């Protein structure tokens, strides 16, 4: 009798472990599929940004310096206003004229300020994915590091980092310009504490 009870308990335990194993496999499969999907979406959006950047560079070869003026006549629709290149971070992206959730998935966006390489404080926002994409490595920039901004006329200005710090999500002082200077402010999230990482640079 005892042997029968032991056998039944053994079978129950075996069945339990089998179910647990199958459930674990299902969870692993679903998780893997989810992360692969996220990776695919991110790569797709990144390719859109690269394609847009190539398009801008090609357009500069075959159009006159009036391209910026002609495109900016359509303020109701987002458009590319230039590009940003940071060799130290190994990134190069087009810059959208305005900021939205959808545009931020593709490329950095103008958050506030003038057009590229004009007087004032051009604020550029981009996502931090905690990898090598967009502004994920923005915190690595140091004083005197160089940021290149190209406008749609093909002119490139060098901006030199003069400050980097963090602010709370409600602090907007970083958008204030320095008088009579061409300045850029790069903005992204610190995913660890919810603050904003700010890098400010000025053209010399």
Protein backbone atom coordinates (compact mmCIF):
# COMPACT_ATOMS: atom_id res chain seq x y z
CA UNK A 1 0.00 0.00 0.00
CA UNK A 2 2.77 2.40 0.97
CA UNK A 3 4.58 1.57 -2.26
CA UNK A 4 1.49 2.53 -4.28
CA UNK A 5 1.21 5.86 -2.42
CA UNK A 6 4.90 6.60 -2.99
CA UNK A 7 4.52 5.76 -6.69
CA UNK A 8 1.50 8.09 -6.99
CA UNK A 9 3.40 10.90 -5.26
CA UNK A 10 6.36 10.32 -7.56
CA UNK A 11 4.14 10.50 -10.63
CA UNK A 12 2.52 13.69 -9.36
CA UNK A 13 5.93 15.30 -8.79
CA UNK A 14 7.10 14.17 -12.22
CA UNK A 15 3.98 15.60 -13.84
CA UNK A 16 4.43 18.85 -11.91
CA UNK A 17 8.05 19.24 -13.05
CA UNK A 18 7.07 18.43 -16.64
CA UNK A 19 4.38 21.11 -16.56
CA UNK A 20 6.78 23.55 -14.96
CA UNK A 21 9.39 22.81 -17.64
CA UNK A 22 6.87 23.26 -20.48
CA UNK A 23 5.63 26.52 -18.95
CA UNK A 24 9.21 27.77 -18.66
CA UNK A 25 9.84 26.96 -22.31
CA UNK A 26 6.69 28.86 -23.33
CA UNK A 27 7.74 31.90 -21.28
CA UNK A 28 11.25 31.82 -22.77
CA UNK A 29 9.81 31.54 -26.30
CA UNK A 30 7.40 34.46 -25.79
CA UNK A 31 10.11 36.63 -24.18
CA UNK A 32 12.56 35.86 -26.99
CA UNK A 33 9.96 36.68 -29.63
CA UNK A 34 9.11 39.96 -27.87
CA UNK A 35 12.74 41.10 -27.62
CA UNK A 36 13.41 40.11 -31.23
CA UNK A 37 10.38 42.15 -32.28
CA UNK A 38 11.58 45.20 -30.31
CA UNK A 39 15.05 44.83 -31.83
CA UNK A 40 13.54 44.59 -35.32
CA UNK A 41 11.45 47.73 -34.77
CA UNK A 42 14.46 49.68 -33.49
CA UNK A 43 16.60 48.58 -36.44
CA UNK A 44 13.82 49.53 -38.86
CA UNK A 45 13.50 52.99 -37.36
CA UNK A 46 17.27 53.43 -37.39
CA UNK A 47 17.40 52.49 -41.07
CA UNK A 48 14.75 55.14 -41.77
CA UNK A 49 17.04 57.71 -40.14
CA UNK A 50 20.04 56.55 -42.16
CA UNK A 51 18.01 56.68 -45.37
CA UNK A 52 16.83 60.20 -44.55
CA UNK A 53 20.40 61.28 -43.86
CA UNK A 54 21.55 59.85 -47.22
CA UNK A 55 18.69 61.68 -48.94
CA UNK A 56 19.70 65.00 -47.36
CA UNK A 57 23.34 64.53 -48.36
CA UNK A 58 22.36 63.68 -51.93
CA UNK A 59 20.02 66.65 -52.15
CA UNK A 60 22.90 68.96 -51.21
CA UNK A 61 24.84 67.71 -54.23
CA UNK A 62 22.10 68.47 -56.76
CA UNK A 63 20.29 71.53 -55.39
CA UNK A 64 21.14 75.18 -54.80
CA UNK A 65 21.54 76.96 -51.49
CA UNK A 66 17.85 77.90 -51.59
CA UNK A 67 16.74 74.43 -50.45
CA UNK A 68 16.37 75.52 -46.82
CA UNK A 69 14.11 78.41 -47.75
CA UNK A 70 11.88 76.39 -50.04
CA UNK A 71 11.34 73.57 -47.56
CA UNK A 72 10.69 75.87 -44.61
CA UNK A 73 7.64 77.29 -46.40
CA UNK A 74 5.71 74.23 -45.18
CA UNK A 75 5.80 74.73 -41.38
CA UNK A 76 2.74 72.54 -40.78
CA UNK A 77 4.60 69.36 -41.78
CA UNK A 78 7.78 68.03 -40.14
CA UNK A 79 10.84 68.10 -42.36
CA UNK A 80 14.59 67.65 -42.10
CA UNK A 81 16.44 70.84 -41.19
CA UNK A 82 20.00 69.50 -41.19
CA UNK A 83 22.16 66.84 -39.59
CA UNK A 84 24.22 66.23 -36.47
CA UNK A 85 27.50 64.35 -36.39
CA UNK A 86 29.47 63.48 -33.24
CA UNK A 87 32.61 61.53 -34.12
CA UNK A 88 33.43 60.72 -30.50
CA UNK A 89 30.09 58.89 -30.14
CA UNK A 90 30.21 57.51 -33.69
CA UNK A 91 26.76 58.88 -34.54
CA UNK A 92 25.39 60.81 -37.51
CA UNK A 93 21.68 61.58 -37.91
CA UNK A 94 19.31 63.97 -39.66
CA UNK A 95 17.47 66.49 -37.48
CA UNK A 96 13.69 66.84 -37.73
CA UNK A 97 12.08 70.29 -37.60
CA UNK A 98 9.82 69.40 -34.68
CA UNK A 99 9.46 66.90 -31.85
CA UNK A 100 6.89 64.10 -31.58
CA UNK A 101 6.84 60.56 -30.21
CA UNK A 102 6.87 59.08 -33.71
CA UNK A 103 9.68 61.30 -35.02
CA UNK A 104 11.83 60.62 -31.95
CA UNK A 105 11.77 56.92 -32.83
CA UNK A 106 13.44 57.74 -36.15
CA UNK A 107 15.95 60.51 -35.45
CA UNK A 108 16.88 63.48 -33.22
CA UNK A 109 14.39 66.37 -33.31
CA UNK A 110 14.47 70.13 -32.83
CA UNK A 111 12.86 70.68 -29.44
CA UNK A 112 13.20 74.46 -29.36
CA UNK A 113 15.10 77.31 -30.96
CA UNK A 114 16.26 78.47 -34.39
CA UNK A 115 17.23 76.56 -37.52
CA UNK A 116 20.71 74.95 -37.57
CA UNK A 117 23.70 77.34 -37.52
CA UNK A 118 21.58 80.42 -36.88
CA UNK A 119 22.04 82.73 -33.89
CA UNK A 120 20.27 81.47 -30.80
CA UNK A 121 20.01 78.19 -28.90
CA UNK A 122 19.02 75.20 -31.06
CA UNK A 123 17.78 72.51 -28.64
CA UNK A 124 17.91 68.97 -30.01
CA UNK A 125 16.22 66.04 -28.25
CA UNK A 126 16.77 62.33 -28.88
CA UNK A 127 16.08 59.02 -27.17
CA UNK A 128 18.42 57.21 -24.81
CA UNK A 129 18.09 53.46 -25.48
CA UNK A 130 21.02 52.57 -23.19
CA UNK A 131 23.00 51.26 -26.16
CA UNK A 132 24.99 53.04 -28.91
CA UNK A 133 22.05 54.61 -30.77
CA UNK A 134 20.79 58.21 -30.85
CA UNK A 135 21.84 60.07 -27.66
CA UNK A 136 22.40 56.95 -25.53
CA UNK A 137 26.08 57.87 -24.97
CA UNK A 138 25.51 61.61 -24.55
CA UNK A 139 26.83 61.46 -20.98
CA UNK A 140 30.29 60.58 -22.37
CA UNK A 141 30.79 64.03 -23.92
CA UNK A 142 33.31 66.24 -22.14
CA UNK A 143 34.35 69.89 -22.23
CA UNK A 144 35.79 70.90 -25.64
CA UNK A 145 34.48 67.81 -27.45
CA UNK A 146 33.31 68.69 -30.96
CA UNK A 147 29.79 68.42 -32.39
CA UNK A 148 29.22 69.08 -36.10
CA UNK A 149 25.96 70.62 -37.27
CA UNK A 150 25.21 70.82 -40.99
CA UNK A 151 22.35 72.88 -42.37
CA UNK A 152 20.48 72.19 -45.60
CA UNK A 153 22.65 74.67 -47.47
CA UNK A 154 25.56 72.29 -46.89
CA UNK A 155 27.32 74.54 -44.38
CA UNK A 156 28.93 72.76 -41.41
CA UNK A 157 29.75 74.49 -38.14
CA UNK A 158 31.81 73.05 -35.29
CA UNK A 159 30.32 73.42 -31.82
CA UNK A 160 32.52 72.92 -28.76
CA UNK A 161 31.05 71.49 -25.55
CA UNK A 162 31.29 73.96 -22.70
CA UNK A 163 28.93 72.38 -20.15
CA UNK A 164 27.23 69.06 -19.30
CA UNK A 165 24.90 68.42 -16.40
CA UNK A 166 21.55 66.95 -15.35
CA UNK A 167 18.27 68.67 -14.58
CA UNK A 168 14.88 67.57 -13.32
CA UNK A 169 12.17 66.88 -15.88
CA UNK A 170 10.47 70.25 -15.19
CA UNK A 171 13.61 72.41 -15.44
CA UNK A 172 13.59 74.28 -18.77
CA UNK A 173 16.37 76.82 -18.12
CA UNK A 174 18.59 74.93 -20.58
CA UNK A 175 16.61 76.32 -23.54
CA UNK A 176 17.62 79.92 -22.72
CA UNK A 177 20.17 81.25 -25.24
CA UNK A 178 23.50 82.99 -24.74
CA UNK A 179 23.31 86.51 -26.18
CA UNK A 180 24.58 86.87 -29.76
CA UNK A 181 25.96 83.34 -30.06
CA UNK A 182 25.26 80.23 -32.09
CA UNK A 183 24.61 77.54 -29.51
CA UNK A 184 23.22 74.01 -29.38
CA UNK A 185 21.73 72.13 -26.44
CA UNK A 186 21.46 68.34 -26.65
CA UNK A 187 18.82 66.71 -24.44
CA UNK A 188 18.10 63.09 -23.53
CA UNK A 189 16.79 61.06 -20.60
CA UNK A 190 18.73 59.51 -17.77
CA UNK A 191 16.86 56.21 -17.52
CA UNK A 192 18.28 55.50 -14.07
CA UNK A 193 16.84 58.48 -12.19
CA UNK A 194 14.33 60.12 -14.56
CA UNK A 195 16.36 63.32 -14.95
CA UNK A 196 17.38 64.97 -18.22
CA UNK A 197 20.99 64.86 -19.43
CA UNK A 198 22.02 68.22 -20.91
CA UNK A 199 25.05 68.94 -23.09
CA UNK A 200 25.63 72.53 -24.20
CA UNK A 201 28.03 73.55 -26.98
CA UNK A 202 28.89 76.79 -28.73
CA UNK A 203 30.25 77.66 -32.18
CA UNK A 204 33.63 79.43 -32.14
